[in-house]
N, C-alpha and C. Protein backbone atom coordinates (compact mmCIF):
# COMPACT_ATOMS: atom_id res chain seq x y z
N UNK A 1 -5.60 135.85 -118.99
CA UNK A 1 -5.21 135.05 -120.13
C UNK A 1 -3.71 135.27 -120.37
N UNK A 2 -2.95 134.23 -120.60
CA UNK A 2 -1.51 134.31 -120.78
C UNK A 2 -1.18 134.39 -122.27
N UNK A 3 -0.45 135.42 -122.64
CA UNK A 3 -0.09 135.62 -124.04
C UNK A 3 1.42 135.47 -124.20
N UNK A 4 1.94 134.27 -124.02
CA UNK A 4 3.36 134.04 -124.24
C UNK A 4 3.58 133.71 -125.71
N UNK A 5 4.68 134.22 -126.24
CA UNK A 5 4.99 134.01 -127.65
C UNK A 5 5.84 132.77 -127.81
N UNK A 6 5.58 132.05 -128.89
CA UNK A 6 6.41 130.90 -129.22
C UNK A 6 7.74 131.41 -129.74
N UNK A 7 8.76 130.58 -129.78
CA UNK A 7 10.04 131.02 -130.33
C UNK A 7 9.91 131.54 -131.77
N UNK A 8 9.06 130.92 -132.57
CA UNK A 8 8.86 131.40 -133.95
C UNK A 8 8.26 132.79 -133.95
N UNK A 9 7.29 133.02 -133.08
CA UNK A 9 6.66 134.33 -133.00
C UNK A 9 7.63 135.39 -132.51
N UNK A 10 8.50 135.01 -131.56
CA UNK A 10 9.49 135.96 -131.06
C UNK A 10 10.49 136.32 -132.16
N UNK A 11 10.90 135.31 -132.95
CA UNK A 11 11.83 135.57 -134.06
C UNK A 11 11.18 136.48 -135.09
N UNK A 12 9.90 136.24 -135.38
CA UNK A 12 9.16 137.09 -136.31
C UNK A 12 9.11 138.52 -135.79
N UNK A 13 8.85 138.67 -134.51
CA UNK A 13 8.78 140.00 -133.92
C UNK A 13 10.13 140.72 -134.06
N UNK A 14 11.21 140.01 -133.81
CA UNK A 14 12.54 140.62 -133.92
C UNK A 14 12.86 141.02 -135.36
N UNK A 15 12.51 140.15 -136.33
CA UNK A 15 12.77 140.51 -137.73
C UNK A 15 11.93 141.71 -138.15
N UNK A 16 10.70 141.76 -137.69
CA UNK A 16 9.83 142.89 -138.01
C UNK A 16 10.39 144.17 -137.39
N UNK A 17 10.86 144.07 -136.17
CA UNK A 17 11.45 145.23 -135.49
C UNK A 17 12.70 145.70 -136.24
N UNK A 18 13.51 144.73 -136.71
CA UNK A 18 14.71 145.10 -137.46
C UNK A 18 14.35 145.81 -138.76
N UNK A 19 13.31 145.34 -139.44
CA UNK A 19 12.86 146.00 -140.67
C UNK A 19 12.37 147.41 -140.38
N UNK A 20 11.59 147.54 -139.34
CA UNK A 20 11.06 148.86 -138.99
C UNK A 20 12.20 149.82 -138.63
N UNK A 21 13.17 149.33 -137.87
CA UNK A 21 14.30 150.18 -137.50
C UNK A 21 15.13 150.57 -138.71
N UNK A 22 15.25 149.64 -139.65
CA UNK A 22 16.02 149.96 -140.86
C UNK A 22 15.34 151.04 -141.67
N UNK A 23 14.01 150.99 -141.73
CA UNK A 23 13.27 151.98 -142.53
C UNK A 23 13.05 153.29 -141.79
N UNK A 24 12.69 153.21 -140.52
CA UNK A 24 12.25 154.39 -139.81
C UNK A 24 13.13 154.76 -138.62
N UNK A 25 14.19 154.02 -138.41
CA UNK A 25 15.06 154.28 -137.27
C UNK A 25 15.95 155.47 -137.53
N UNK A 26 17.05 155.56 -136.79
CA UNK A 26 17.95 156.71 -136.93
C UNK A 26 18.54 156.82 -138.34
N UNK A 27 18.73 155.68 -138.99
CA UNK A 27 19.27 155.71 -140.35
C UNK A 27 18.14 155.53 -141.34
N UNK A 28 18.17 156.28 -142.37
CA UNK A 28 17.16 156.18 -143.41
C UNK A 28 17.70 155.30 -144.53
N UNK A 29 16.79 154.76 -145.31
CA UNK A 29 17.17 153.94 -146.46
C UNK A 29 17.53 154.90 -147.59
N UNK A 30 18.81 155.09 -147.78
CA UNK A 30 19.27 155.98 -148.85
C UNK A 30 20.57 155.43 -149.43
N UNK A 31 21.28 156.24 -150.12
CA UNK A 31 22.50 155.76 -150.79
C UNK A 31 23.60 155.37 -149.83
N UNK A 32 23.48 155.76 -148.55
CA UNK A 32 24.50 155.41 -147.57
C UNK A 32 24.34 153.97 -147.08
N UNK A 33 23.21 153.34 -147.39
CA UNK A 33 22.97 151.97 -146.96
C UNK A 33 23.64 151.03 -147.96
N UNK A 34 24.35 150.05 -147.43
CA UNK A 34 25.08 149.13 -148.30
C UNK A 34 24.12 148.14 -148.95
N UNK A 35 24.57 147.54 -150.02
CA UNK A 35 23.74 146.55 -150.70
C UNK A 35 23.50 145.32 -149.83
N UNK A 36 24.47 145.01 -148.96
CA UNK A 36 24.28 143.89 -148.03
C UNK A 36 23.15 144.19 -147.05
N UNK A 37 23.08 145.42 -146.58
CA UNK A 37 22.01 145.80 -145.67
C UNK A 37 20.65 145.76 -146.37
N UNK A 38 20.64 146.20 -147.63
CA UNK A 38 19.41 146.16 -148.40
C UNK A 38 18.99 144.70 -148.63
N UNK A 39 19.95 143.85 -148.95
CA UNK A 39 19.65 142.43 -149.15
C UNK A 39 19.11 141.81 -147.87
N UNK A 40 19.70 142.17 -146.73
CA UNK A 40 19.22 141.66 -145.45
C UNK A 40 17.82 142.17 -145.16
N UNK A 41 17.57 143.42 -145.50
CA UNK A 41 16.25 144.01 -145.30
C UNK A 41 15.20 143.31 -146.16
N UNK A 42 15.53 143.05 -147.41
CA UNK A 42 14.61 142.34 -148.31
C UNK A 42 14.37 140.92 -147.79
N UNK A 43 15.42 140.27 -147.32
CA UNK A 43 15.29 138.92 -146.75
C UNK A 43 14.36 138.94 -145.54
N UNK A 44 14.55 139.93 -144.66
CA UNK A 44 13.70 140.05 -143.47
C UNK A 44 12.24 140.26 -143.87
N UNK A 45 12.00 141.12 -144.86
CA UNK A 45 10.64 141.35 -145.33
C UNK A 45 10.04 140.08 -145.93
N UNK A 46 10.85 139.33 -146.65
CA UNK A 46 10.38 138.10 -147.27
C UNK A 46 9.98 137.07 -146.20
N UNK A 47 10.82 136.90 -145.20
CA UNK A 47 10.53 135.96 -144.11
C UNK A 47 9.29 136.42 -143.35
N UNK A 48 9.23 137.71 -143.05
CA UNK A 48 8.08 138.23 -142.32
C UNK A 48 6.79 138.04 -143.12
N UNK A 49 6.88 138.24 -144.42
CA UNK A 49 5.71 138.08 -145.27
C UNK A 49 5.23 136.63 -145.29
N UNK A 50 6.15 135.68 -145.41
CA UNK A 50 5.75 134.27 -145.42
C UNK A 50 5.18 133.84 -144.07
N UNK A 51 5.76 134.34 -142.99
CA UNK A 51 5.22 134.02 -141.67
C UNK A 51 3.85 134.65 -141.47
N UNK A 52 3.65 135.82 -142.01
CA UNK A 52 2.35 136.46 -141.93
C UNK A 52 1.31 135.67 -142.72
N UNK A 53 1.70 135.15 -143.88
CA UNK A 53 0.77 134.31 -144.65
C UNK A 53 0.41 133.05 -143.88
N UNK A 54 1.41 132.41 -143.28
CA UNK A 54 1.17 131.20 -142.52
C UNK A 54 0.26 131.49 -141.31
N UNK A 55 0.49 132.60 -140.66
CA UNK A 55 -0.34 132.99 -139.52
C UNK A 55 -1.78 133.26 -139.97
N UNK A 56 -1.93 133.88 -141.13
CA UNK A 56 -3.26 134.15 -141.67
C UNK A 56 -4.01 132.85 -141.93
N UNK A 57 -3.33 131.86 -142.47
CA UNK A 57 -3.95 130.55 -142.71
C UNK A 57 -4.38 129.93 -141.39
N UNK A 58 -3.53 130.01 -140.38
CA UNK A 58 -3.87 129.45 -139.08
C UNK A 58 -5.09 130.15 -138.47
N UNK A 59 -5.15 131.46 -138.62
CA UNK A 59 -6.29 132.21 -138.09
C UNK A 59 -7.57 131.81 -138.83
N UNK A 60 -7.48 131.63 -140.14
CA UNK A 60 -8.66 131.20 -140.91
C UNK A 60 -9.13 129.82 -140.46
N UNK A 61 -8.18 128.88 -140.26
CA UNK A 61 -8.54 127.55 -139.80
C UNK A 61 -9.19 127.60 -138.42
N UNK A 62 -8.64 128.40 -137.54
CA UNK A 62 -9.20 128.55 -136.20
C UNK A 62 -10.60 129.14 -136.27
N UNK A 63 -10.78 130.12 -137.14
CA UNK A 63 -12.09 130.75 -137.29
C UNK A 63 -13.12 129.74 -137.79
N UNK A 64 -12.73 128.91 -138.74
CA UNK A 64 -13.68 127.92 -139.25
C UNK A 64 -14.01 126.87 -138.19
N UNK A 65 -13.02 126.47 -137.39
CA UNK A 65 -13.30 125.51 -136.30
C UNK A 65 -14.22 126.14 -135.25
N UNK A 66 -14.00 127.41 -134.96
CA UNK A 66 -14.86 128.09 -134.00
C UNK A 66 -16.28 128.20 -134.54
N UNK A 67 -16.42 128.45 -135.83
CA UNK A 67 -17.76 128.54 -136.43
C UNK A 67 -18.47 127.19 -136.34
N UNK A 68 -17.74 126.11 -136.60
CA UNK A 68 -18.33 124.76 -136.50
C UNK A 68 -18.74 124.46 -135.06
N UNK A 69 -17.90 124.84 -134.12
CA UNK A 69 -18.22 124.63 -132.71
C UNK A 69 -19.44 125.44 -132.31
N UNK A 70 -19.52 126.66 -132.79
CA UNK A 70 -20.67 127.50 -132.48
C UNK A 70 -21.95 126.90 -133.07
N UNK A 71 -21.86 126.36 -134.27
CA UNK A 71 -23.03 125.74 -134.89
C UNK A 71 -23.50 124.54 -134.06
N UNK A 72 -22.55 123.74 -133.58
CA UNK A 72 -22.91 122.59 -132.74
C UNK A 72 -23.53 123.06 -131.43
N UNK A 73 -22.99 124.11 -130.85
CA UNK A 73 -23.54 124.64 -129.60
C UNK A 73 -24.94 125.18 -129.82
N UNK A 74 -25.17 125.84 -130.96
CA UNK A 74 -26.51 126.35 -131.28
C UNK A 74 -27.52 125.22 -131.39
N UNK A 75 -27.13 124.12 -132.06
CA UNK A 75 -28.02 122.97 -132.19
C UNK A 75 -28.31 122.37 -130.82
N UNK A 76 -27.27 122.24 -130.00
CA UNK A 76 -27.45 121.69 -128.65
C UNK A 76 -28.39 122.55 -127.82
N UNK A 77 -28.17 123.86 -127.86
CA UNK A 77 -29.02 124.76 -127.07
C UNK A 77 -30.45 124.75 -127.58
N UNK A 78 -30.63 124.67 -128.88
CA UNK A 78 -31.98 124.62 -129.45
C UNK A 78 -32.70 123.35 -129.02
N UNK A 79 -32.00 122.23 -129.09
CA UNK A 79 -32.58 120.95 -128.68
C UNK A 79 -32.89 120.96 -127.19
N UNK A 80 -31.96 121.47 -126.39
CA UNK A 80 -32.18 121.54 -124.95
C UNK A 80 -33.38 122.42 -124.63
N UNK A 81 -33.50 123.53 -125.33
CA UNK A 81 -34.64 124.42 -125.11
C UNK A 81 -35.95 123.71 -125.43
N UNK A 82 -35.94 122.94 -126.52
CA UNK A 82 -37.15 122.20 -126.91
C UNK A 82 -37.52 121.16 -125.85
N UNK A 83 -36.54 120.44 -125.36
CA UNK A 83 -36.78 119.41 -124.34
C UNK A 83 -37.30 120.05 -123.06
N UNK A 84 -36.66 121.13 -122.64
CA UNK A 84 -37.09 121.79 -121.41
C UNK A 84 -38.49 122.39 -121.55
N UNK A 85 -38.82 122.90 -122.73
CA UNK A 85 -40.16 123.43 -122.96
C UNK A 85 -41.20 122.31 -122.85
N UNK A 86 -40.90 121.13 -123.39
CA UNK A 86 -41.82 120.00 -123.29
C UNK A 86 -42.00 119.57 -121.84
N UNK A 87 -40.92 119.53 -121.11
CA UNK A 87 -41.00 119.16 -119.68
C UNK A 87 -41.85 120.19 -118.94
N UNK A 88 -41.59 121.46 -119.23
CA UNK A 88 -42.32 122.53 -118.56
C UNK A 88 -43.82 122.49 -118.87
N UNK A 89 -44.18 122.03 -120.06
CA UNK A 89 -45.58 121.95 -120.45
C UNK A 89 -46.23 120.61 -120.06
N UNK A 90 -45.48 119.77 -119.35
CA UNK A 90 -46.04 118.53 -118.84
C UNK A 90 -46.08 117.40 -119.85
N UNK A 91 -45.30 117.50 -120.90
CA UNK A 91 -45.27 116.44 -121.90
C UNK A 91 -44.24 115.38 -121.51
N UNK A 92 -44.58 114.14 -121.76
CA UNK A 92 -43.67 113.04 -121.46
C UNK A 92 -43.70 112.66 -119.99
N UNK A 93 -43.05 111.56 -119.66
CA UNK A 93 -43.05 111.06 -118.28
C UNK A 93 -42.42 112.06 -117.32
N UNK A 94 -41.28 112.59 -117.71
CA UNK A 94 -40.59 113.54 -116.85
C UNK A 94 -41.41 114.81 -116.68
N UNK A 95 -42.04 115.27 -117.77
CA UNK A 95 -42.88 116.46 -117.68
C UNK A 95 -44.06 116.25 -116.75
N UNK A 96 -44.68 115.08 -116.83
CA UNK A 96 -45.79 114.78 -115.93
C UNK A 96 -45.32 114.71 -114.48
N UNK A 97 -44.18 114.06 -114.28
CA UNK A 97 -43.65 113.91 -112.93
C UNK A 97 -43.28 115.27 -112.33
N UNK A 98 -42.64 116.12 -113.13
CA UNK A 98 -42.19 117.42 -112.64
C UNK A 98 -43.37 118.35 -112.38
N UNK A 99 -44.38 118.31 -113.21
CA UNK A 99 -45.47 119.27 -113.13
C UNK A 99 -46.68 118.80 -112.34
N UNK A 100 -46.68 117.54 -111.88
CA UNK A 100 -47.82 117.03 -111.13
C UNK A 100 -47.39 116.73 -109.70
N UNK A 101 -47.71 117.62 -108.76
CA UNK A 101 -47.28 117.40 -107.37
C UNK A 101 -47.91 116.14 -106.77
N UNK A 102 -49.13 115.81 -107.20
CA UNK A 102 -49.77 114.61 -106.68
C UNK A 102 -49.00 113.36 -107.07
N UNK A 103 -48.53 113.31 -108.31
CA UNK A 103 -47.74 112.17 -108.77
C UNK A 103 -46.46 112.06 -107.94
N UNK A 104 -45.85 113.19 -107.64
CA UNK A 104 -44.63 113.18 -106.83
C UNK A 104 -44.93 112.62 -105.44
N UNK A 105 -46.03 113.09 -104.83
CA UNK A 105 -46.38 112.61 -103.49
C UNK A 105 -46.67 111.11 -103.49
N UNK A 106 -47.38 110.65 -104.54
CA UNK A 106 -47.68 109.21 -104.61
C UNK A 106 -46.41 108.39 -104.81
N UNK A 107 -45.50 108.89 -105.64
CA UNK A 107 -44.23 108.17 -105.86
C UNK A 107 -43.43 108.17 -104.57
N UNK A 108 -43.41 109.27 -103.86
CA UNK A 108 -42.68 109.36 -102.60
C UNK A 108 -43.28 108.37 -101.58
N UNK A 109 -44.59 108.30 -101.55
CA UNK A 109 -45.28 107.37 -100.65
C UNK A 109 -44.96 105.93 -101.03
N UNK A 110 -44.95 105.65 -102.34
CA UNK A 110 -44.62 104.30 -102.82
C UNK A 110 -43.21 103.91 -102.40
N UNK A 111 -42.25 104.82 -102.53
CA UNK A 111 -40.88 104.51 -102.13
C UNK A 111 -40.78 104.28 -100.63
N UNK A 112 -41.54 105.03 -99.85
CA UNK A 112 -41.53 104.83 -98.39
C UNK A 112 -42.08 103.45 -98.05
N UNK A 113 -43.15 103.04 -98.73
CA UNK A 113 -43.73 101.72 -98.47
C UNK A 113 -42.78 100.60 -98.90
N UNK A 114 -42.11 100.78 -100.04
CA UNK A 114 -41.13 99.78 -100.49
C UNK A 114 -39.97 99.67 -99.50
N UNK A 115 -39.54 100.79 -98.96
CA UNK A 115 -38.46 100.79 -97.99
C UNK A 115 -38.89 100.04 -96.72
N UNK A 116 -40.12 100.29 -96.29
CA UNK A 116 -40.63 99.60 -95.10
C UNK A 116 -40.76 98.10 -95.36
N UNK A 117 -41.22 97.72 -96.57
CA UNK A 117 -41.34 96.31 -96.93
C UNK A 117 -39.97 95.64 -96.93
N UNK A 118 -38.97 96.30 -97.51
CA UNK A 118 -37.61 95.72 -97.54
C UNK A 118 -37.08 95.55 -96.12
N UNK A 119 -37.34 96.51 -95.24
CA UNK A 119 -36.89 96.40 -93.85
C UNK A 119 -37.59 95.24 -93.15
N UNK A 120 -38.89 95.07 -93.42
CA UNK A 120 -39.65 93.97 -92.80
C UNK A 120 -39.16 92.62 -93.32
N UNK A 121 -38.84 92.54 -94.61
CA UNK A 121 -38.31 91.27 -95.16
C UNK A 121 -37.00 90.92 -94.50
N UNK A 122 -36.15 91.91 -94.28
CA UNK A 122 -34.87 91.65 -93.60
C UNK A 122 -35.10 91.22 -92.14
N UNK A 123 -36.07 91.84 -91.48
CA UNK A 123 -36.33 91.54 -90.08
C UNK A 123 -37.05 90.20 -89.90
N UNK A 124 -37.95 89.88 -90.82
CA UNK A 124 -38.76 88.65 -90.71
C UNK A 124 -38.72 87.87 -92.03
N UNK A 125 -37.61 87.31 -92.39
CA UNK A 125 -37.55 86.62 -93.68
C UNK A 125 -38.46 85.39 -93.75
N UNK A 126 -38.70 84.72 -92.63
CA UNK A 126 -39.55 83.52 -92.63
C UNK A 126 -40.99 83.87 -92.96
N UNK A 127 -41.38 85.08 -92.70
CA UNK A 127 -42.74 85.51 -92.99
C UNK A 127 -43.00 85.56 -94.50
N UNK A 128 -41.94 85.78 -95.29
CA UNK A 128 -42.10 85.95 -96.74
C UNK A 128 -41.54 84.79 -97.56
N UNK A 129 -40.57 84.08 -97.01
CA UNK A 129 -39.92 83.00 -97.75
C UNK A 129 -39.95 81.75 -96.88
N UNK A 130 -40.44 80.65 -97.43
CA UNK A 130 -40.40 79.40 -96.69
C UNK A 130 -39.73 78.35 -97.57
N UNK A 131 -38.81 77.66 -96.97
CA UNK A 131 -38.06 76.63 -97.71
C UNK A 131 -38.39 75.29 -97.06
N UNK A 132 -38.86 74.39 -97.88
CA UNK A 132 -39.19 73.03 -97.38
C UNK A 132 -38.35 72.03 -98.15
N UNK A 133 -37.72 71.19 -97.43
CA UNK A 133 -36.96 70.10 -98.02
C UNK A 133 -37.72 68.81 -97.76
N UNK A 134 -37.93 68.06 -98.71
CA UNK A 134 -38.69 66.81 -98.69
C UNK A 134 -39.28 66.55 -97.38
């Protein structure tokens, strides 16, 4: 599975890294940090927070779509299971055909006879069709 980051995600990662480095990196947040650096840090936290909220909304939407898809798949599988159970128990035309070997043999025989009849009609059309003009 390929996990490439979008440009927005890469920017978010960089801002988060900058915040982490400002707090826990070689320099500590103390009186030696300028107000501009603190303002930049607060700005980075604000942007990261809004992006995190937006990402959370996207994850929730994805989760709800996945739940809906799973519900549809469950209904499909349940219906398929019901249909296959009926076929397996010999219910319906397909169930009778699948579960009755004699019916299969008779149908196979019927198709062979129809094929032979079609071949005979092609070979001897006058035997089956006669056209008389006045």
